[in-house]
Amino acid sequence: MADSQKAVEVVVTPAAPARPEEYDAATRATLDLIDHQAVRAVADGRPERTRKGYAQDWASWSKFCAESGVPLLAVTPGTLVMFVEWL
């Protein structure tokens, strides 16, 4: 076979689960550890007033989502505009 005609071996890898609840226990445990470390790193580097402000912002977003029927993680240009108007 000439160099320009080398055979290509097809490798099929399964798709990753689309939703976090579909991850296996080991993956969830790893992600939980990463999340815990990230939260601590951010908390250690942010002033207390900033952390309180973020908590208040999250509480407002959560209330907006509950009242509007929008999923918490449905952040789109439309939901952000709707949120600002709601405020």
C-alpha atoms as a PDB file:
ATOM      1  CA  MET A   1       0.000   0.000   0.000  1.00  0.00           C
ATOM      2  CA  ALA A   2       1.422   3.401  -0.932  1.00  0.00           C
ATOM      3  CA  ASP A   3       1.957   6.087   1.730  1.00  0.00           C
ATOM      4  CA  SER A   4      -0.990   8.068   0.399  1.00  0.00           C
ATOM      5  CA  GLN A   5      -3.241   5.005   0.721  1.00  0.00           C
ATOM      6  CA  LYS A   6      -2.649   4.032   4.353  1.00  0.00           C
ATOM      7  CA  ALA A   7      -5.561   2.283   6.015  1.00  0.00           C
ATOM      8  CA  VAL A   8      -7.407   4.244   8.643  1.00  0.00           C
ATOM      9  CA  GLU A   9      -8.511   2.382  11.729  1.00  0.00           C
ATOM     10  CA  VAL A  10     -11.858   3.559  13.015  1.00  0.00           C
ATOM     11  CA  VAL A  11     -12.025   3.987  16.758  1.00  0.00           C
ATOM     12  CA  VAL A  12     -15.459   4.295  18.307  1.00  0.00           C
ATOM     13  CA  THR A  13     -15.727   5.803  21.759  1.00  0.00           C
ATOM     14  CA  PRO A  14     -19.018   5.910  23.583  1.00  0.00           C
ATOM     15  CA  ALA A  15     -20.565   9.336  24.031  1.00  0.00           C
ATOM     16  CA  ALA A  16     -20.341  10.865  27.475  1.00  0.00           C
ATOM     17  CA  PRO A  17     -23.617  10.980  29.382  1.00  0.00           C
ATOM     18  CA  ALA A  18     -25.506  14.126  28.523  1.00  0.00           C
ATOM     19  CA  ARG A  19     -26.769  14.755  32.041  1.00  0.00           C
ATOM     20  CA  PRO A  20     -24.867  14.753  35.337  1.00  0.00           C
ATOM     21  CA  GLU A  21     -27.355  12.329  36.909  1.00  0.00           C
ATOM     22  CA  GLU A  22     -26.281   9.780  34.285  1.00  0.00           C
ATOM     23  CA  TYR A  23     -22.603   9.829  35.373  1.00  0.00           C
ATOM     24  CA  ASP A  24     -21.296   6.767  37.157  1.00  0.00           C
ATOM     25  CA  ALA A  25     -20.507   6.928  40.881  1.00  0.00           C
ATOM     26  CA  ALA A  26     -16.754   7.345  40.374  1.00  0.00           C
ATOM     27  CA  THR A  27     -17.233  10.285  37.991  1.00  0.00           C
ATOM     28  CA  ARG A  28     -19.718  11.946  40.341  1.00  0.00           C
ATOM     29  CA  ALA A  29     -17.310  11.521  43.260  1.00  0.00           C
ATOM     30  CA  THR A  30     -14.461  13.055  41.264  1.00  0.00           C
ATOM     31  CA  LEU A  31     -16.637  15.986  40.170  1.00  0.00           C
ATOM     32  CA  ASP A  32     -17.840  16.517  43.752  1.00  0.00           C
ATOM     33  CA  LEU A  33     -14.226  16.727  44.938  1.00  0.00           C
ATOM     34  CA  ILE A  34     -13.309  19.159  42.161  1.00  0.00           C
ATOM     35  CA  ASP A  35     -16.374  21.294  42.964  1.00  0.00           C
ATOM     36  CA  HIS A  36     -15.543  21.316  46.682  1.00  0.00           C
ATOM     37  CA  GLN A  37     -11.972  22.415  45.977  1.00  0.00           C
ATOM     38  CA  ALA A  38     -13.162  25.110  43.552  1.00  0.00           C
ATOM     39  CA  VAL A  39     -15.672  26.499  46.039  1.00  0.00           C
ATOM     40  CA  ARG A  40     -12.990  26.668  48.728  1.00  0.00           C
ATOM     41  CA  ALA A  41     -10.507  28.347  46.386  1.00  0.00           C
ATOM     42  CA  VAL A  42     -13.039  31.004  45.427  1.00  0.00           C
ATOM     43  CA  ALA A  43     -14.211  31.495  49.013  1.00  0.00           C
ATOM     44  CA  ASP A  44     -10.649  31.851  50.255  1.00  0.00           C
ATOM     45  CA  GLY A  45      -9.891  34.532  47.663  1.00  0.00           C
ATOM     46  CA  ARG A  46     -13.063  36.628  47.863  1.00  0.00           C
ATOM     47  CA  PRO A  47     -13.872  39.261  50.469  1.00  0.00           C
ATOM     48  CA  GLU A  48     -16.795  38.454  52.765  1.00  0.00           C
ATOM     49  CA  ARG A  49     -18.917  41.271  51.281  1.00  0.00           C
ATOM     50  CA  THR A  50     -18.420  39.831  47.800  1.00  0.00           C
ATOM     51  CA  ARG A  51     -19.457  36.343  48.932  1.00  0.00           C
ATOM     52  CA  LYS A  52     -22.567  37.769  50.619  1.00  0.00           C
ATOM     53  CA  GLY A  53     -23.407  39.721  47.467  1.00  0.00           C
ATOM     54  CA  TYR A  54     -23.087  36.589  45.328  1.00  0.00           C
ATOM     55  CA  ALA A  55     -25.328  34.690  47.756  1.00  0.00           C
ATOM     56  CA  GLN A  56     -27.953  37.421  47.517  1.00  0.00           C
ATOM     57  CA  ASP A  57     -27.715  37.416  43.715  1.00  0.00           C
ATOM     58  CA  TRP A  58     -28.141  33.628  43.629  1.00  0.00           C
ATOM     59  CA  ALA A  59     -31.139  33.862  45.951  1.00  0.00           C
ATOM     60  CA  SER A  60     -32.723  36.425  43.606  1.00  0.00           C
ATOM     61  CA  TRP A  61     -32.030  34.261  40.548  1.00  0.00           C
ATOM     62  CA  SER A  62     -33.435  31.196  42.324  1.00  0.00           C
ATOM     63  CA  LYS A  63     -36.607  33.058  43.275  1.00  0.00           C
ATOM     64  CA  PHE A  64     -36.991  34.374  39.715  1.00  0.00           C
ATOM     65  CA  CYS A  65     -36.573  30.860  38.304  1.00  0.00           C
ATOM     66  CA  ALA A  66     -39.116  29.401  40.724  1.00  0.00           C
ATOM     67  CA  GLU A  67     -41.673  32.101  39.967  1.00  0.00           C
ATOM     68  CA  SER A  68     -41.080  31.995  36.206  1.00  0.00           C
ATOM     69  CA  GLY A  69     -40.831  28.232  35.798  1.00  0.00           C
ATOM     70  CA  VAL A  70     -37.326  28.572  34.353  1.00  0.00           C
ATOM     71  CA  PRO A  71     -34.770  25.860  35.248  1.00  0.00           C
ATOM     72  CA  LEU A  72     -31.947  27.210  37.434  1.00  0.00           C
ATOM     73  CA  LEU A  73     -29.296  26.553  34.811  1.00  0.00           C
ATOM     74  CA  ALA A  74     -31.297  27.857  31.835  1.00  0.00           C
ATOM     75  CA  VAL A  75     -29.076  30.888  31.334  1.00  0.00           C
ATOM     76  CA  THR A  76     -29.762  32.319  27.899  1.00  0.00           C
ATOM     77  CA  PRO A  77     -29.903  35.865  26.564  1.00  0.00           C
ATOM     78  CA  GLY A  78     -33.692  35.729  26.877  1.00  0.00           C
ATOM     79  CA  THR A  79     -33.748  34.497  30.473  1.00  0.00           C
ATOM     80  CA  LEU A  80     -31.182  37.118  31.485  1.00  0.00           C
ATOM     81  CA  VAL A  81     -33.248  39.931  29.943  1.00  0.00           C
ATOM     82  CA  MET A  82     -36.362  38.508  31.592  1.00  0.00           C
ATOM     83  CA  PHE A  83     -34.483  38.358  34.919  1.00  0.00           C
ATOM     84  CA  VAL A  84     -33.368  41.992  34.680  1.00  0.00           C
ATOM     85  CA  GLU A  85     -36.921  43.071  33.919  1.00  0.00           C
ATOM     86  CA  TRP A  86     -38.162  40.936  36.826  1.00  0.00           C
ATOM     87  CA  LEU A  87     -35.745  42.662  39.172  1.00  0.00           C
END
